[in-house]
Amino acid sequence: TARGVYSAASIVVATGGLSIPSMG
């Protein structure tokens, strides 16, 4: 990321779908 590197043994993708792009 722009703030640096984050590392971990596990990563969980909870980024959602494409609905309501105005909310990110």
mmCIF file of all heavy atoms, coordinates in Angstrom:
data_MODEL
# 
_entry.id   MODEL 
# 
loop_
_atom_site.group_PDB 
_atom_site.id 
_atom_site.type_symbol 
_atom_site.label_atom_id 
_atom_site.label_alt_id 
_atom_site.label_comp_id 
_atom_site.label_asym_id 
_atom_site.label_entity_id 
_atom_site.label_seq_id 
_atom_site.pdbx_PDB_ins_code 
_atom_site.Cartn_x 
_atom_site.Cartn_y 
_atom_site.Cartn_z 
_atom_site.occupancy 
_atom_site.B_iso_or_equiv 
_atom_site.pdbx_formal_charge 
_atom_site.auth_seq_id 
_atom_site.auth_comp_id 
_atom_site.auth_asym_id 
_atom_site.auth_atom_id 
_atom_site.pdbx_PDB_model_num 
ATOM 1   N N   . THR A 1 1  ? 0.841   -1.196  0.000   1.00 0.00 ? 1  THR A N   1 
ATOM 2   C CA  . THR A 1 1  ? 0.000   0.000   0.000   1.00 0.00 ? 1  THR A CA  1 
ATOM 3   C C   . THR A 1 1  ? 0.874   1.242   0.000   1.00 0.00 ? 1  THR A C   1 
ATOM 4   O O   . THR A 1 1  ? 2.095   1.171   0.158   1.00 0.00 ? 1  THR A O   1 
ATOM 5   C CB  . THR A 1 1  ? -0.909  0.042   1.245   1.00 0.00 ? 1  THR A CB  1 
ATOM 6   O OG1 . THR A 1 1  ? -0.137  0.467   2.376   1.00 0.00 ? 1  THR A OG1 1 
ATOM 7   C CG2 . THR A 1 1  ? -1.518  -1.320  1.554   1.00 0.00 ? 1  THR A CG2 1 
ATOM 8   N N   . ALA A 1 2  ? 0.243   2.388   -0.127  1.00 0.00 ? 2  ALA A N   1 
ATOM 9   C CA  . ALA A 1 2  ? 0.962   3.667   -0.081  1.00 0.00 ? 2  ALA A CA  1 
ATOM 10  C C   . ALA A 1 2  ? 1.569   3.908   1.299   1.00 0.00 ? 2  ALA A C   1 
ATOM 11  O O   . ALA A 1 2  ? 2.506   4.691   1.436   1.00 0.00 ? 2  ALA A O   1 
ATOM 12  C CB  . ALA A 1 2  ? 0.010   4.795   -0.453  1.00 0.00 ? 2  ALA A CB  1 
ATOM 13  N N   . ARG A 1 3  ? 1.040   3.245   2.307   1.00 0.00 ? 3  ARG A N   1 
ATOM 14  C CA  . ARG A 1 3  ? 1.536   3.428   3.674   1.00 0.00 ? 3  ARG A CA  1 
ATOM 15  C C   . ARG A 1 3  ? 2.659   2.475   4.036   1.00 0.00 ? 3  ARG A C   1 
ATOM 16  O O   . ARG A 1 3  ? 3.228   2.567   5.110   1.00 0.00 ? 3  ARG A O   1 
ATOM 17  C CB  . ARG A 1 3  ? 0.401   3.214   4.673   1.00 0.00 ? 3  ARG A CB  1 
ATOM 18  C CG  . ARG A 1 3  ? -0.628  4.301   4.658   1.00 0.00 ? 3  ARG A CG  1 
ATOM 19  C CD  . ARG A 1 3  ? -1.649  4.099   5.747   1.00 0.00 ? 3  ARG A CD  1 
ATOM 20  N NE  . ARG A 1 3  ? -2.783  4.976   5.501   1.00 0.00 ? 3  ARG A NE  1 
ATOM 21  C CZ  . ARG A 1 3  ? -3.947  4.851   6.078   1.00 0.00 ? 3  ARG A CZ  1 
ATOM 22  N NH1 . ARG A 1 3  ? -4.146  3.884   6.955   1.00 0.00 ? 3  ARG A NH1 1 
ATOM 23  N NH2 . ARG A 1 3  ? -4.912  5.694   5.800   1.00 0.00 ? 3  ARG A NH2 1 
ATOM 24  N N   . GLY A 1 4  ? 2.898   1.514   3.170   1.00 0.00 ? 4  GLY A N   1 
ATOM 25  C CA  . GLY A 1 4  ? 3.902   0.511   3.469   1.00 0.00 ? 4  GLY A CA  1 
ATOM 26  C C   . GLY A 1 4  ? 3.401   -0.874  3.113   1.00 0.00 ? 4  GLY A C   1 
ATOM 27  O O   . GLY A 1 4  ? 2.359   -1.032  2.466   1.00 0.00 ? 4  GLY A O   1 
ATOM 28  N N   . VAL A 1 5  ? 4.147   -1.875  3.543   1.00 0.00 ? 5  VAL A N   1 
ATOM 29  C CA  . VAL A 1 5  ? 3.810   -3.264  3.236   1.00 0.00 ? 5  VAL A CA  1 
ATOM 30  C C   . VAL A 1 5  ? 3.279   -3.926  4.505   1.00 0.00 ? 5  VAL A C   1 
ATOM 31  O O   . VAL A 1 5  ? 3.872   -3.823  5.575   1.00 0.00 ? 5  VAL A O   1 
ATOM 32  C CB  . VAL A 1 5  ? 5.044   -4.030  2.714   1.00 0.00 ? 5  VAL A CB  1 
ATOM 33  C CG1 . VAL A 1 5  ? 4.687   -5.494  2.462   1.00 0.00 ? 5  VAL A CG1 1 
ATOM 34  C CG2 . VAL A 1 5  ? 5.566   -3.373  1.436   1.00 0.00 ? 5  VAL A CG2 1 
ATOM 35  N N   . TYR A 1 6  ? 2.134   -4.601  4.362   1.00 0.00 ? 6  TYR A N   1 
ATOM 36  C CA  . TYR A 1 6  ? 1.575   -5.373  5.463   1.00 0.00 ? 6  TYR A CA  1 
ATOM 37  C C   . TYR A 1 6  ? 1.693   -6.848  5.103   1.00 0.00 ? 6  TYR A C   1 
ATOM 38  O O   . TYR A 1 6  ? 1.342   -7.253  3.982   1.00 0.00 ? 6  TYR A O   1 
ATOM 39  C CB  . TYR A 1 6  ? 0.108   -5.006  5.677   1.00 0.00 ? 6  TYR A CB  1 
ATOM 40  C CG  . TYR A 1 6  ? -0.089  -3.559  6.054   1.00 0.00 ? 6  TYR A CG  1 
ATOM 41  C CD1 . TYR A 1 6  ? -0.498  -2.633  5.100   1.00 0.00 ? 6  TYR A CD1 1 
ATOM 42  C CD2 . TYR A 1 6  ? 0.132   -3.120  7.352   1.00 0.00 ? 6  TYR A CD2 1 
ATOM 43  C CE1 . TYR A 1 6  ? -0.679  -1.297  5.432   1.00 0.00 ? 6  TYR A CE1 1 
ATOM 44  C CE2 . TYR A 1 6  ? -0.050  -1.782  7.698   1.00 0.00 ? 6  TYR A CE2 1 
ATOM 45  C CZ  . TYR A 1 6  ? -0.455  -0.881  6.737   1.00 0.00 ? 6  TYR A CZ  1 
ATOM 46  O OH  . TYR A 1 6  ? -0.630  0.432   7.070   1.00 0.00 ? 6  TYR A OH  1 
ATOM 47  N N   . SER A 1 7  ? 2.192   -7.646  6.033   1.00 0.00 ? 7  SER A N   1 
ATOM 48  C CA  . SER A 1 7  ? 2.369   -9.069  5.743   1.00 0.00 ? 7  SER A CA  1 
ATOM 49  C C   . SER A 1 7  ? 1.635   -9.909  6.771   1.00 0.00 ? 7  SER A C   1 
ATOM 50  O O   . SER A 1 7  ? 1.446   -9.498  7.928   1.00 0.00 ? 7  SER A O   1 
ATOM 51  C CB  . SER A 1 7  ? 3.858   -9.431  5.730   1.00 0.00 ? 7  SER A CB  1 
ATOM 52  O OG  . SER A 1 7  ? 4.395   -9.408  7.036   1.00 0.00 ? 7  SER A OG  1 
ATOM 53  N N   . ALA A 1 8  ? 1.196   -11.102 6.348   1.00 0.00 ? 8  ALA A N   1 
ATOM 54  C CA  . ALA A 1 8  ? 0.499   -12.035 7.234   1.00 0.00 ? 8  ALA A CA  1 
ATOM 55  C C   . ALA A 1 8  ? 0.452   -13.406 6.582   1.00 0.00 ? 8  ALA A C   1 
ATOM 56  O O   . ALA A 1 8  ? 0.558   -13.533 5.355   1.00 0.00 ? 8  ALA A O   1 
ATOM 57  C CB  . ALA A 1 8  ? -0.921  -11.549 7.517   1.00 0.00 ? 8  ALA A CB  1 
ATOM 58  N N   . ALA A 1 9  ? 0.279   -14.423 7.410   1.00 0.00 ? 9  ALA A N   1 
ATOM 59  C CA  . ALA A 1 9  ? 0.169   -15.790 6.894   1.00 0.00 ? 9  ALA A CA  1 
ATOM 60  C C   . ALA A 1 9  ? -1.186  -16.033 6.256   1.00 0.00 ? 9  ALA A C   1 
ATOM 61  O O   . ALA A 1 9  ? -1.330  -16.908 5.395   1.00 0.00 ? 9  ALA A O   1 
ATOM 62  C CB  . ALA A 1 9  ? 0.399   -16.795 8.030   1.00 0.00 ? 9  ALA A CB  1 
ATOM 63  N N   . SER A 1 10 ? -2.226  -15.270 6.688   1.00 0.00 ? 10 SER A N   1 
ATOM 64  C CA  . SER A 1 10 ? -3.577  -15.432 6.149   1.00 0.00 ? 10 SER A CA  1 
ATOM 65  C C   . SER A 1 10 ? -4.115  -14.095 5.657   1.00 0.00 ? 10 SER A C   1 
ATOM 66  O O   . SER A 1 10 ? -3.866  -13.050 6.264   1.00 0.00 ? 10 SER A O   1 
ATOM 67  C CB  . SER A 1 10 ? -4.531  -15.976 7.220   1.00 0.00 ? 10 SER A CB  1 
ATOM 68  O OG  . SER A 1 10 ? -4.138  -17.266 7.639   1.00 0.00 ? 10 SER A OG  1 
ATOM 69  N N   . ILE A 1 11 ? -4.846  -14.170 4.572   1.00 0.00 ? 11 ILE A N   1 
ATOM 70  C CA  . ILE A 1 11 ? -5.466  -12.966 4.024   1.00 0.00 ? 11 ILE A CA  1 
ATOM 71  C C   . ILE A 1 11 ? -6.916  -13.299 3.670   1.00 0.00 ? 11 ILE A C   1 
ATOM 72  O O   . ILE A 1 11 ? -7.197  -14.350 3.096   1.00 0.00 ? 11 ILE A O   1 
ATOM 73  C CB  . ILE A 1 11 ? -4.672  -12.458 2.798   1.00 0.00 ? 11 ILE A CB  1 
ATOM 74  C CG1 . ILE A 1 11 ? -5.173  -11.103 2.342   1.00 0.00 ? 11 ILE A CG1 1 
ATOM 75  C CG2 . ILE A 1 11 ? -4.699  -13.433 1.659   1.00 0.00 ? 11 ILE A CG2 1 
ATOM 76  C CD1 . ILE A 1 11 ? -4.262  -10.447 1.321   1.00 0.00 ? 11 ILE A CD1 1 
ATOM 77  N N   . VAL A 1 12 ? -7.825  -12.420 4.063   1.00 0.00 ? 12 VAL A N   1 
ATOM 78  C CA  . VAL A 1 12 ? -9.256  -12.624 3.828   1.00 0.00 ? 12 VAL A CA  1 
ATOM 79  C C   . VAL A 1 12 ? -9.765  -11.529 2.903   1.00 0.00 ? 12 VAL A C   1 
ATOM 80  O O   . VAL A 1 12 ? -9.647  -10.334 3.220   1.00 0.00 ? 12 VAL A O   1 
ATOM 81  C CB  . VAL A 1 12 ? -10.052 -12.595 5.148   1.00 0.00 ? 12 VAL A CB  1 
ATOM 82  C CG1 . VAL A 1 12 ? -11.536 -12.868 4.873   1.00 0.00 ? 12 VAL A CG1 1 
ATOM 83  C CG2 . VAL A 1 12 ? -9.496  -13.604 6.142   1.00 0.00 ? 12 VAL A CG2 1 
ATOM 84  N N   . VAL A 1 13 ? -10.308 -11.925 1.776   1.00 0.00 ? 13 VAL A N   1 
ATOM 85  C CA  . VAL A 1 13 ? -10.820 -10.963 0.796   1.00 0.00 ? 13 VAL A CA  1 
ATOM 86  C C   . VAL A 1 13 ? -12.308 -10.746 1.072   1.00 0.00 ? 13 VAL A C   1 
ATOM 87  O O   . VAL A 1 13 ? -13.134 -11.640 0.882   1.00 0.00 ? 13 VAL A O   1 
ATOM 88  C CB  . VAL A 1 13 ? -10.595 -11.455 -0.642  1.00 0.00 ? 13 VAL A CB  1 
ATOM 89  C CG1 . VAL A 1 13 ? -11.109 -10.417 -1.649  1.00 0.00 ? 13 VAL A CG1 1 
ATOM 90  C CG2 . VAL A 1 13 ? -9.112  -11.734 -0.877  1.00 0.00 ? 13 VAL A CG2 1 
ATOM 91  N N   . ALA A 1 14 ? -12.633 -9.553  1.567   1.00 0.00 ? 14 ALA A N   1 
ATOM 92  C CA  . ALA A 1 14 ? -14.013 -9.196  1.904   1.00 0.00 ? 14 ALA A CA  1 
ATOM 93  C C   . ALA A 1 14 ? -14.353 -7.867  1.239   1.00 0.00 ? 14 ALA A C   1 
ATOM 94  O O   . ALA A 1 14 ? -14.914 -6.960  1.856   1.00 0.00 ? 14 ALA A O   1 
ATOM 95  C CB  . ALA A 1 14 ? -14.165 -9.102  3.420   1.00 0.00 ? 14 ALA A CB  1 
ATOM 96  N N   . THR A 1 15 ? -13.988 -7.764  -0.031  1.00 0.00 ? 15 THR A N   1 
ATOM 97  C CA  . THR A 1 15 ? -14.041 -6.485  -0.746  1.00 0.00 ? 15 THR A CA  1 
ATOM 98  C C   . THR A 1 15 ? -15.385 -6.198  -1.400  1.00 0.00 ? 15 THR A C   1 
ATOM 99  O O   . THR A 1 15 ? -15.556 -5.157  -2.031  1.00 0.00 ? 15 THR A O   1 
ATOM 100 C CB  . THR A 1 15 ? -12.945 -6.457  -1.836  1.00 0.00 ? 15 THR A CB  1 
ATOM 101 O OG1 . THR A 1 15 ? -13.037 -7.673  -2.593  1.00 0.00 ? 15 THR A OG1 1 
ATOM 102 C CG2 . THR A 1 15 ? -11.570 -6.362  -1.206  1.00 0.00 ? 15 THR A CG2 1 
ATOM 103 N N   . GLY A 1 16 ? -16.343 -7.134  -1.263  1.00 0.00 ? 16 GLY A N   1 
ATOM 104 C CA  . GLY A 1 16 ? -17.669 -6.887  -1.816  1.00 0.00 ? 16 GLY A CA  1 
ATOM 105 C C   . GLY A 1 16 ? -17.727 -7.037  -3.322  1.00 0.00 ? 16 GLY A C   1 
ATOM 106 O O   . GLY A 1 16 ? -16.790 -7.518  -3.964  1.00 0.00 ? 16 GLY A O   1 
ATOM 107 N N   . GLY A 1 17 ? -18.864 -6.606  -3.876  1.00 0.00 ? 17 GLY A N   1 
ATOM 108 C CA  . GLY A 1 17 ? -19.074 -6.728  -5.314  1.00 0.00 ? 17 GLY A CA  1 
ATOM 109 C C   . GLY A 1 17 ? -18.998 -5.378  -6.007  1.00 0.00 ? 17 GLY A C   1 
ATOM 110 O O   . GLY A 1 17 ? -18.304 -4.463  -5.557  1.00 0.00 ? 17 GLY A O   1 
ATOM 111 N N   . LEU A 1 18 ? -19.753 -5.254  -7.097  1.00 0.00 ? 18 LEU A N   1 
ATOM 112 C CA  . LEU A 1 18 ? -19.700 -4.058  -7.933  1.00 0.00 ? 18 LEU A CA  1 
ATOM 113 C C   . LEU A 1 18 ? -20.855 -3.096  -7.667  1.00 0.00 ? 18 LEU A C   1 
ATOM 114 O O   . LEU A 1 18 ? -20.914 -2.025  -8.264  1.00 0.00 ? 18 LEU A O   1 
ATOM 115 C CB  . LEU A 1 18 ? -19.718 -4.462  -9.409  1.00 0.00 ? 18 LEU A CB  1 
ATOM 116 C CG  . LEU A 1 18 ? -18.528 -5.318  -9.866  1.00 0.00 ? 18 LEU A CG  1 
ATOM 117 C CD1 . LEU A 1 18 ? -18.790 -5.880  -11.260 1.00 0.00 ? 18 LEU A CD1 1 
ATOM 118 C CD2 . LEU A 1 18 ? -17.247 -4.512  -9.843  1.00 0.00 ? 18 LEU A CD2 1 
ATOM 119 N N   . SER A 1 19 ? -21.781 -3.483  -6.773  1.00 0.00 ? 19 SER A N   1 
ATOM 120 C CA  . SER A 1 19 ? -22.969 -2.668  -6.574  1.00 0.00 ? 19 SER A CA  1 
ATOM 121 C C   . SER A 1 19 ? -22.669 -1.381  -5.817  1.00 0.00 ? 19 SER A C   1 
ATOM 122 O O   . SER A 1 19 ? -21.866 -1.364  -4.891  1.00 0.00 ? 19 SER A O   1 
ATOM 123 C CB  . SER A 1 19 ? -24.049 -3.477  -5.847  1.00 0.00 ? 19 SER A CB  1 
ATOM 124 O OG  . SER A 1 19 ? -23.496 -4.213  -4.788  1.00 0.00 ? 19 SER A OG  1 
ATOM 125 N N   . ILE A 1 20 ? -23.342 -0.314  -6.252  1.00 0.00 ? 20 ILE A N   1 
ATOM 126 C CA  . ILE A 1 20 ? -23.219 1.038   -5.709  1.00 0.00 ? 20 ILE A CA  1 
ATOM 127 C C   . ILE A 1 20 ? -21.765 1.535   -5.737  1.00 0.00 ? 20 ILE A C   1 
ATOM 128 O O   . ILE A 1 20 ? -21.139 1.744   -4.697  1.00 0.00 ? 20 ILE A O   1 
ATOM 129 C CB  . ILE A 1 20 ? -23.814 1.151   -4.286  1.00 0.00 ? 20 ILE A CB  1 
ATOM 130 C CG1 . ILE A 1 20 ? -25.124 0.357   -4.188  1.00 0.00 ? 20 ILE A CG1 1 
ATOM 131 C CG2 . ILE A 1 20 ? -24.059 2.631   -3.944  1.00 0.00 ? 20 ILE A CG2 1 
ATOM 132 C CD1 . ILE A 1 20 ? -25.852 0.512   -2.878  1.00 0.00 ? 20 ILE A CD1 1 
ATOM 133 N N   . PRO A 1 21 ? -21.218 1.745   -6.934  1.00 0.00 ? 21 PRO A N   1 
ATOM 134 C CA  . PRO A 1 21 ? -19.835 2.221   -7.046  1.00 0.00 ? 21 PRO A CA  1 
ATOM 135 C C   . PRO A 1 21 ? -19.610 3.580   -6.388  1.00 0.00 ? 21 PRO A C   1 
ATOM 136 O O   . PRO A 1 21 ? -18.486 3.896   -5.982  1.00 0.00 ? 21 PRO A O   1 
ATOM 137 C CB  . PRO A 1 21 ? -19.603 2.294   -8.564  1.00 0.00 ? 21 PRO A CB  1 
ATOM 138 C CG  . PRO A 1 21 ? -20.950 2.256   -9.184  1.00 0.00 ? 21 PRO A CG  1 
ATOM 139 C CD  . PRO A 1 21 ? -21.834 1.507   -8.251  1.00 0.00 ? 21 PRO A CD  1 
ATOM 140 N N   . SER A 1 22 ? -20.681 4.374   -6.225  1.00 0.00 ? 22 SER A N   1 
ATOM 141 C CA  . SER A 1 22 ? -20.516 5.680   -5.584  1.00 0.00 ? 22 SER A CA  1 
ATOM 142 C C   . SER A 1 22 ? -20.091 5.537   -4.128  1.00 0.00 ? 22 SER A C   1 
ATOM 143 O O   . SER A 1 22 ? -19.581 6.488   -3.525  1.00 0.00 ? 22 SER A O   1 
ATOM 144 C CB  . SER A 1 22 ? -21.832 6.473   -5.646  1.00 0.00 ? 22 SER A CB  1 
ATOM 145 O OG  . SER A 1 22 ? -22.854 5.797   -4.929  1.00 0.00 ? 22 SER A OG  1 
ATOM 146 N N   . MET A 1 23 ? -20.280 4.331   -3.556  1.00 0.00 ? 23 MET A N   1 
ATOM 147 C CA  . MET A 1 23 ? -19.849 4.092   -2.178  1.00 0.00 ? 23 MET A CA  1 
ATOM 148 C C   . MET A 1 23 ? -18.515 3.366   -2.125  1.00 0.00 ? 23 MET A C   1 
ATOM 149 O O   . MET A 1 23 ? -18.110 2.864   -1.080  1.00 0.00 ? 23 MET A O   1 
ATOM 150 C CB  . MET A 1 23 ? -20.924 3.298   -1.434  1.00 0.00 ? 23 MET A CB  1 
ATOM 151 C CG  . MET A 1 23 ? -22.256 4.007   -1.433  1.00 0.00 ? 23 MET A CG  1 
ATOM 152 S SD  . MET A 1 23 ? -23.407 3.305   -0.266  1.00 0.00 ? 23 MET A SD  1 
ATOM 153 C CE  . MET A 1 23 ? -22.791 4.020   1.239   1.00 0.00 ? 23 MET A CE  1 
ATOM 154 N N   . GLY A 1 24 ? -17.853 3.272   -3.270  1.00 0.00 ? 24 GLY A N   1 
ATOM 155 C CA  . GLY A 1 24 ? -16.504 2.724   -3.280  1.00 0.00 ? 24 GLY A CA  1 
ATOM 156 C C   . GLY A 1 24 ? -16.370 1.307   -3.806  1.00 0.00 ? 24 GLY A C   1 
ATOM 157 O O   . GLY A 1 24 ? -15.280 0.736   -3.749  1.00 0.00 ? 24 GLY A O   1 
# 
